[in-house]
Amino acid sequence: MESRPQWLDWAVELQALAQAGLEYGHDKFDLERYARIREISAEIMAQHTGLPLEEVKDLFCGESGYQTPKLDTRAAVFQGEKILLVQESDGLWALPGGWSDVDITVGENAVKEVKEEAGLDVTVRRVIALQDQHRRNRPMSPYGVCKVLVLCDRTGGSFQPNLETLDSRYFSLDELPPLATGKTTEEQIRLCFEAHHAEHWTTLLD
């Protein structure tokens, strides 16, 4: 994967500095300056991603407090030499997962997402990797994301129609379908296979 572009680092840093300033600043003129810096960061992001400016502002500038990455949990569930993928509403496929909810743990979130998107009951075995999504996935998101890849074991269940996914199937590494690369890449799936086959595994950290 190509390295993270410099403009993205600048935009993210400007947004983080502006958000902290708006949270902790007191002078009304400084607050105006921080708000403008935040707008500039959104304009940079919109210019380079092609997203509408107002959408970027909603995603990129809608929080308060100290800026931290969002957590995206992705579960790797195997059946023999095949890995579970779910089909998104756009027809593309990804590891089951999504944003981590604030009221449950990362592990609990992985279990919940597999149940909601694939209908399966799973238990968590190990964390495969903690990855910077901007370094690993395209298209890039307008905010920082830490992707948590979690190896899980199936204990039961079956796919049920739901509001989030169209289908779920197991795929071998040499027959992967078109992927939703913003959520899951072939490189990440290969990493999951490596962790699945390893007797001992050390969590990888970007």
C-alpha atoms as a PDB file:
ATOM      1  CA  MET A   1       0.000   0.000   0.000  1.00  0.00           C
ATOM      2  CA  GLU A   2       1.278   3.469  -0.896  1.00  0.00           C
ATOM      3  CA  SER A   3       2.309   5.731   1.949  1.00  0.00           C
ATOM      4  CA  ARG A   4      -0.136   8.150   3.511  1.00  0.00           C
ATOM      5  CA  PRO A   5      -0.099  11.447   1.541  1.00  0.00           C
ATOM      6  CA  GLN A   6       1.357  14.552   3.145  1.00  0.00           C
ATOM      7  CA  TRP A   7      -1.777  16.643   2.542  1.00  0.00           C
ATOM      8  CA  LEU A   8      -3.796  14.183   4.619  1.00  0.00           C
ATOM      9  CA  ASP A   9      -1.386  14.456   7.547  1.00  0.00           C
ATOM     10  CA  TRP A  10      -1.631  18.249   7.356  1.00  0.00           C
ATOM     11  CA  ALA A  11      -5.446  18.231   7.182  1.00  0.00           C
ATOM     12  CA  VAL A  12      -5.779  15.797  10.089  1.00  0.00           C
ATOM     13  CA  GLU A  13      -3.298  17.751  12.222  1.00  0.00           C
ATOM     14  CA  LEU A  14      -5.026  21.060  11.497  1.00  0.00           C
ATOM     15  CA  GLN A  15      -8.380  19.541  12.412  1.00  0.00           C
ATOM     16  CA  ALA A  16      -7.012  18.092  15.661  1.00  0.00           C
ATOM     17  CA  LEU A  17      -5.350  21.371  16.668  1.00  0.00           C
ATOM     18  CA  ALA A  18      -8.475  23.355  15.828  1.00  0.00           C
ATOM     19  CA  GLN A  19     -10.745  20.967  17.735  1.00  0.00           C
ATOM     20  CA  ALA A  20      -8.521  21.120  20.812  1.00  0.00           C
ATOM     21  CA  GLY A  21      -8.422  24.910  20.567  1.00  0.00           C
ATOM     22  CA  LEU A  22     -12.201  25.128  20.331  1.00  0.00           C
ATOM     23  CA  GLU A  23     -12.508  22.839  23.358  1.00  0.00           C
ATOM     24  CA  TYR A  24      -9.957  24.476  25.636  1.00  0.00           C
ATOM     25  CA  GLY A  25      -9.691  28.043  24.324  1.00  0.00           C
ATOM     26  CA  HIS A  26     -11.449  30.998  25.963  1.00  0.00           C
ATOM     27  CA  ASP A  27     -10.629  34.154  24.019  1.00  0.00           C
ATOM     28  CA  LYS A  28     -13.436  34.812  21.529  1.00  0.00           C
ATOM     29  CA  PHE A  29     -11.021  35.956  18.824  1.00  0.00           C
ATOM     30  CA  ASP A  30      -8.922  32.817  19.238  1.00  0.00           C
ATOM     31  CA  LEU A  31     -12.071  30.724  18.994  1.00  0.00           C
ATOM     32  CA  GLU A  32     -12.903  32.404  15.691  1.00  0.00           C
ATOM     33  CA  ARG A  33      -9.404  31.608  14.411  1.00  0.00           C
ATOM     34  CA  TYR A  34      -9.678  27.967  15.505  1.00  0.00           C
ATOM     35  CA  ALA A  35     -13.053  27.679  13.768  1.00  0.00           C
ATOM     36  CA  ARG A  36     -11.519  29.031  10.555  1.00  0.00           C
ATOM     37  CA  ILE A  37      -8.580  26.603  10.810  1.00  0.00           C
ATOM     38  CA  ARG A  38     -11.104  23.808  11.146  1.00  0.00           C
ATOM     39  CA  GLU A  39     -12.899  25.008   8.017  1.00  0.00           C
ATOM     40  CA  ILE A  40      -9.592  25.084   6.116  1.00  0.00           C
ATOM     41  CA  SER A  41      -8.851  21.497   7.150  1.00  0.00           C
ATOM     42  CA  ALA A  42     -12.276  20.443   5.829  1.00  0.00           C
ATOM     43  CA  GLU A  43     -11.689  22.333   2.565  1.00  0.00           C
ATOM     44  CA  ILE A  44      -8.360  20.541   2.087  1.00  0.00           C
ATOM     45  CA  MET A  45     -10.019  17.187   2.676  1.00  0.00           C
ATOM     46  CA  ALA A  46     -12.916  17.949   0.327  1.00  0.00           C
ATOM     47  CA  GLN A  47     -10.567  19.164  -2.400  1.00  0.00           C
ATOM     48  CA  HIS A  48      -8.482  15.996  -2.372  1.00  0.00           C
ATOM     49  CA  THR A  49     -11.170  13.366  -1.743  1.00  0.00           C
ATOM     50  CA  GLY A  50     -13.883  14.756  -4.003  1.00  0.00           C
ATOM     51  CA  LEU A  51     -16.433  14.603  -1.193  1.00  0.00           C
ATOM     52  CA  PRO A  52     -18.908  17.501  -0.857  1.00  0.00           C
ATOM     53  CA  LEU A  53     -17.636  20.093   1.622  1.00  0.00           C
ATOM     54  CA  GLU A  54     -20.737  19.898   3.805  1.00  0.00           C
ATOM     55  CA  GLU A  55     -20.412  16.111   4.032  1.00  0.00           C
ATOM     56  CA  VAL A  56     -16.773  16.461   5.064  1.00  0.00           C
ATOM     57  CA  LYS A  57     -17.736  19.020   7.709  1.00  0.00           C
ATOM     58  CA  ASP A  58     -20.355  16.634   9.114  1.00  0.00           C
ATOM     59  CA  LEU A  59     -17.862  13.749   9.271  1.00  0.00           C
ATOM     60  CA  PHE A  60     -14.649  15.602   9.995  1.00  0.00           C
ATOM     61  CA  CYS A  61     -15.756  18.540  12.106  1.00  0.00           C
ATOM     62  CA  GLY A  62     -18.734  17.214  14.022  1.00  0.00           C
ATOM     63  CA  GLU A  63     -17.043  16.288  17.284  1.00  0.00           C
ATOM     64  CA  SER A  64     -15.749  18.143  20.295  1.00  0.00           C
ATOM     65  CA  GLY A  65     -13.027  17.457  22.831  1.00  0.00           C
ATOM     66  CA  TYR A  66      -9.579  16.069  22.190  1.00  0.00           C
ATOM     67  CA  GLN A  67      -9.297  14.430  18.765  1.00  0.00           C
ATOM     68  CA  THR A  68      -8.802  10.639  18.798  1.00  0.00           C
ATOM     69  CA  PRO A  69      -9.175   7.963  16.095  1.00  0.00           C
ATOM     70  CA  LYS A  70     -12.387   6.029  15.602  1.00  0.00           C
ATOM     71  CA  LEU A  71     -12.251   2.246  16.101  1.00  0.00           C
ATOM     72  CA  ASP A  72     -13.340  -0.012  13.235  1.00  0.00           C
ATOM     73  CA  THR A  73     -13.606  -3.664  14.312  1.00  0.00           C
ATOM     74  CA  ARG A  74     -13.326  -6.380  11.629  1.00  0.00           C
ATOM     75  CA  ALA A  75     -13.835 -10.076  12.443  1.00  0.00           C
ATOM     76  CA  ALA A  76     -12.059 -12.963  10.701  1.00  0.00           C
ATOM     77  CA  VAL A  77     -14.134 -16.154  10.886  1.00  0.00           C
ATOM     78  CA  PHE A  78     -12.938 -19.319   9.143  1.00  0.00           C
ATOM     79  CA  GLN A  79     -14.537 -22.497   7.858  1.00  0.00           C
ATOM     80  CA  GLY A  80     -11.703 -24.791   6.886  1.00  0.00           C
ATOM     81  CA  GLU A  81      -9.551 -22.917   4.385  1.00  0.00           C
ATOM     82  CA  LYS A  82     -12.179 -20.282   3.650  1.00  0.00           C
ATOM     83  CA  ILE A  83     -12.884 -16.930   5.318  1.00  0.00           C
ATOM     84  CA  LEU A  84     -16.269 -15.347   5.979  1.00  0.00           C
ATOM     85  CA  LEU A  85     -17.158 -12.211   4.023  1.00  0.00           C
ATOM     86  CA  VAL A  86     -20.410 -10.261   3.955  1.00  0.00           C
ATOM     87  CA  GLN A  87     -21.877  -8.472   0.957  1.00  0.00           C
ATOM     88  CA  GLU A  88     -22.505  -4.760   1.429  1.00  0.00           C
ATOM     89  CA  SER A  89     -25.487  -2.911  -0.033  1.00  0.00           C
ATOM     90  CA  ASP A  90     -23.322  -1.774  -2.977  1.00  0.00           C
ATOM     91  CA  GLY A  91     -22.571  -5.391  -3.906  1.00  0.00           C
ATOM     92  CA  LEU A  92     -18.986  -5.348  -2.645  1.00  0.00           C
ATOM     93  CA  TRP A  93     -17.666  -7.689   0.062  1.00  0.00           C
ATOM     94  CA  ALA A  94     -15.865  -7.149   3.367  1.00  0.00           C
ATOM     95  CA  LEU A  95     -15.019  -8.779   6.662  1.00  0.00           C
ATOM     96  CA  PRO A  96     -18.012  -8.379   8.990  1.00  0.00           C
ATOM     97  CA  GLY A  97     -17.569  -5.404  11.272  1.00  0.00           C
ATOM     98  CA  GLY A  98     -18.096  -1.714  11.852  1.00  0.00           C
ATOM     99  CA  TRP A  99     -17.602   1.163  14.265  1.00  0.00           C
ATOM    100  CA  SER A 100     -17.069   0.154  17.877  1.00  0.00           C
ATOM    101  CA  ASP A 101     -19.933   1.222  20.118  1.00  0.00           C
ATOM    102  CA  VAL A 102     -19.094   3.314  23.165  1.00  0.00           C
ATOM    103  CA  ASP A 103     -20.900   1.083  25.663  1.00  0.00           C
ATOM    104  CA  ILE A 104     -19.232  -2.270  24.858  1.00  0.00           C
ATOM    105  CA  THR A 105     -15.671  -3.565  24.497  1.00  0.00           C
ATOM    106  CA  VAL A 106     -13.875  -4.056  21.179  1.00  0.00           C
ATOM    107  CA  GLY A 107     -14.224  -7.816  21.570  1.00  0.00           C
ATOM    108  CA  GLU A 108     -17.927  -7.562  22.316  1.00  0.00           C
ATOM    109  CA  ASN A 109     -18.307  -5.303  19.292  1.00  0.00           C
ATOM    110  CA  ALA A 110     -16.696  -7.905  17.017  1.00  0.00           C
ATOM    111  CA  VAL A 111     -19.131 -10.546  18.295  1.00  0.00           C
ATOM    112  CA  LYS A 112     -22.087  -8.182  17.853  1.00  0.00           C
ATOM    113  CA  GLU A 113     -21.146  -7.205  14.296  1.00  0.00           C
ATOM    114  CA  VAL A 114     -20.774 -10.820  13.151  1.00  0.00           C
ATOM    115  CA  LYS A 115     -24.187 -11.616  14.625  1.00  0.00           C
ATOM    116  CA  GLU A 116     -25.860  -8.597  13.017  1.00  0.00           C
ATOM    117  CA  GLU A 117     -24.242  -8.893   9.580  1.00  0.00           C
ATOM    118  CA  ALA A 118     -23.779 -12.663   9.161  1.00  0.00           C
ATOM    119  CA  GLY A 119     -26.154 -14.198  11.719  1.00  0.00           C
ATOM    120  CA  LEU A 120     -23.353 -16.198  13.332  1.00  0.00           C
ATOM    121  CA  ASP A 121     -22.452 -16.690  16.975  1.00  0.00           C
ATOM    122  CA  VAL A 122     -18.697 -16.356  17.568  1.00  0.00           C
ATOM    123  CA  THR A 123     -16.141 -16.097  20.328  1.00  0.00           C
ATOM    124  CA  VAL A 124     -12.984 -13.988  20.141  1.00  0.00           C
ATOM    125  CA  ARG A 125      -9.681 -15.875  19.949  1.00  0.00           C
ATOM    126  CA  ARG A 126      -7.051 -13.156  19.415  1.00  0.00           C
ATOM    127  CA  VAL A 127      -6.356  -9.681  18.066  1.00  0.00           C
ATOM    128  CA  ILE A 128      -4.571 -10.038  14.730  1.00  0.00           C
ATOM    129  CA  ALA A 129      -3.548  -6.428  14.168  1.00  0.00           C
ATOM    130  CA  LEU A 130      -4.158  -2.771  14.982  1.00  0.00           C
ATOM    131  CA  GLN A 131      -3.815  -0.828  11.732  1.00  0.00           C
ATOM    132  CA  ASP A 132      -3.933   2.788  10.605  1.00  0.00           C
ATOM    133  CA  GLN A 133      -6.700   2.757   8.012  1.00  0.00           C
ATOM    134  CA  HIS A 134      -5.161   5.659   6.091  1.00  0.00           C
ATOM    135  CA  ARG A 135      -2.071   3.535   5.464  1.00  0.00           C
ATOM    136  CA  ARG A 136      -3.972   0.413   4.517  1.00  0.00           C
ATOM    137  CA  ASN A 137      -7.283   1.216   2.850  1.00  0.00           C
ATOM    138  CA  ARG A 138      -8.660   3.219  -0.055  1.00  0.00           C
ATOM    139  CA  PRO A 139     -10.626   5.362  -0.450  1.00  0.00           C
ATOM    140  CA  MET A 140      -9.432   7.312   2.591  1.00  0.00           C
ATOM    141  CA  SER A 141     -11.833   8.500   5.250  1.00  0.00           C
ATOM    142  CA  PRO A 142     -11.981  12.131   6.405  1.00  0.00           C
ATOM    143  CA  TYR A 143     -11.000  11.195   9.968  1.00  0.00           C
ATOM    144  CA  GLY A 144      -8.450   9.019  11.732  1.00  0.00           C
ATOM    145  CA  VAL A 145      -9.394   5.351  12.017  1.00  0.00           C
ATOM    146  CA  CYS A 146      -7.755   2.494  13.919  1.00  0.00           C
ATOM    147  CA  LYS A 147      -8.781  -0.793  12.322  1.00  0.00           C
ATOM    148  CA  VAL A 148      -8.857  -3.753  14.737  1.00  0.00           C
ATOM    149  CA  LEU A 149      -8.650  -7.165  13.027  1.00  0.00           C
ATOM    150  CA  VAL A 150      -9.967  -9.873  15.364  1.00  0.00           C
ATOM    151  CA  LEU A 151      -9.770 -13.641  14.848  1.00  0.00           C
ATOM    152  CA  CYS A 152     -13.003 -15.316  15.939  1.00  0.00           C
ATOM    153  CA  ASP A 153     -14.302 -18.893  16.236  1.00  0.00           C
ATOM    154  CA  ARG A 154     -17.795 -19.797  15.086  1.00  0.00           C
ATOM    155  CA  THR A 155     -20.023 -21.503  17.630  1.00  0.00           C
ATOM    156  CA  GLY A 156     -23.351 -21.508  15.781  1.00  0.00           C
ATOM    157  CA  GLY A 157     -25.949 -19.523  13.883  1.00  0.00           C
ATOM    158  CA  SER A 158     -26.704 -18.941  10.204  1.00  0.00           C
ATOM    159  CA  PHE A 159     -27.217 -15.973   7.894  1.00  0.00           C
ATOM    160  CA  GLN A 160     -30.447 -14.063   8.413  1.00  0.00           C
ATOM    161  CA  PRO A 161     -31.867 -11.262   6.238  1.00  0.00           C
ATOM    162  CA  ASN A 162     -30.961  -7.910   7.782  1.00  0.00           C
ATOM    163  CA  LEU A 163     -30.714  -4.183   7.080  1.00  0.00           C
ATOM    164  CA  GLU A 164     -26.913  -4.092   6.755  1.00  0.00           C
ATOM    165  CA  THR A 165     -25.841  -6.863   4.388  1.00  0.00           C
ATOM    166  CA  LEU A 166     -27.201  -8.699   1.359  1.00  0.00           C
ATOM    167  CA  ASP A 167     -25.432 -12.030   1.826  1.00  0.00           C
ATOM    168  CA  SER A 168     -22.594 -13.830   3.605  1.00  0.00           C
ATOM    169  CA  ARG A 169     -20.322 -16.563   2.218  1.00  0.00           C
ATOM    170  CA  TYR A 170     -16.979 -18.239   2.796  1.00  0.00           C
ATOM    171  CA  PHE A 171     -14.210 -17.642   0.242  1.00  0.00           C
ATOM    172  CA  SER A 172     -10.790 -19.163  -0.314  1.00  0.00           C
ATOM    173  CA  LEU A 173      -7.847 -16.825  -0.750  1.00  0.00           C
ATOM    174  CA  ASP A 174      -7.642 -17.496  -4.485  1.00  0.00           C
ATOM    175  CA  GLU A 175     -11.331 -16.795  -5.193  1.00  0.00           C
ATOM    176  CA  LEU A 176     -11.986 -13.512  -3.397  1.00  0.00           C
ATOM    177  CA  PRO A 177     -14.918 -11.444  -4.707  1.00  0.00           C
ATOM    178  CA  PRO A 178     -14.770  -7.686  -5.431  1.00  0.00           C
ATOM    179  CA  LEU A 179     -13.882  -6.060  -2.111  1.00  0.00           C
ATOM    180  CA  ALA A 180     -15.066  -2.884  -0.398  1.00  0.00           C
ATOM    181  CA  THR A 181     -11.448  -1.758  -0.025  1.00  0.00           C
ATOM    182  CA  GLY A 182     -12.289   1.083   2.340  1.00  0.00           C
ATOM    183  CA  LYS A 183     -13.277  -1.635   4.810  1.00  0.00           C
ATOM    184  CA  THR A 184     -11.269  -4.712   3.798  1.00  0.00           C
ATOM    185  CA  THR A 185      -8.336  -5.285   1.434  1.00  0.00           C
ATOM    186  CA  GLU A 186      -6.829  -8.482   0.044  1.00  0.00           C
ATOM    187  CA  GLU A 187      -3.696  -7.732   2.075  1.00  0.00           C
ATOM    188  CA  GLN A 188      -5.764  -7.666   5.279  1.00  0.00           C
ATOM    189  CA  ILE A 189      -7.468 -10.934   4.366  1.00  0.00           C
ATOM    190  CA  ARG A 190      -4.075 -12.545   3.731  1.00  0.00           C
ATOM    191  CA  LEU A 191      -2.977 -11.361   7.157  1.00  0.00           C
ATOM    192  CA  CYS A 192      -6.037 -13.017   8.683  1.00  0.00           C
ATOM    193  CA  PHE A 193      -5.125 -16.311   6.989  1.00  0.00           C
ATOM    194  CA  GLU A 194      -1.604 -16.066   8.417  1.00  0.00           C
ATOM    195  CA  ALA A 195      -2.957 -15.501  11.932  1.00  0.00           C
ATOM    196  CA  HIS A 196      -5.441 -18.344  11.508  1.00  0.00           C
ATOM    197  CA  HIS A 197      -2.683 -20.807  10.615  1.00  0.00           C
ATOM    198  CA  ALA A 198      -0.166 -19.614  13.213  1.00  0.00           C
ATOM    199  CA  GLU A 199       0.246 -21.663  16.378  1.00  0.00           C
ATOM    200  CA  HIS A 200       1.558 -18.560  18.130  1.00  0.00           C
ATOM    201  CA  TRP A 201       0.777 -15.037  16.984  1.00  0.00           C
ATOM    202  CA  THR A 202       2.039 -11.626  18.027  1.00  0.00           C
ATOM    203  CA  THR A 203      -0.425  -8.814  17.436  1.00  0.00           C
ATOM    204  CA  LEU A 204       0.824  -6.498  14.697  1.00  0.00           C
ATOM    205  CA  LEU A 205       0.780  -2.771  15.402  1.00  0.00           C
ATOM    206  CA  ASP A 206       1.188   0.094  12.932  1.00  0.00           C
END
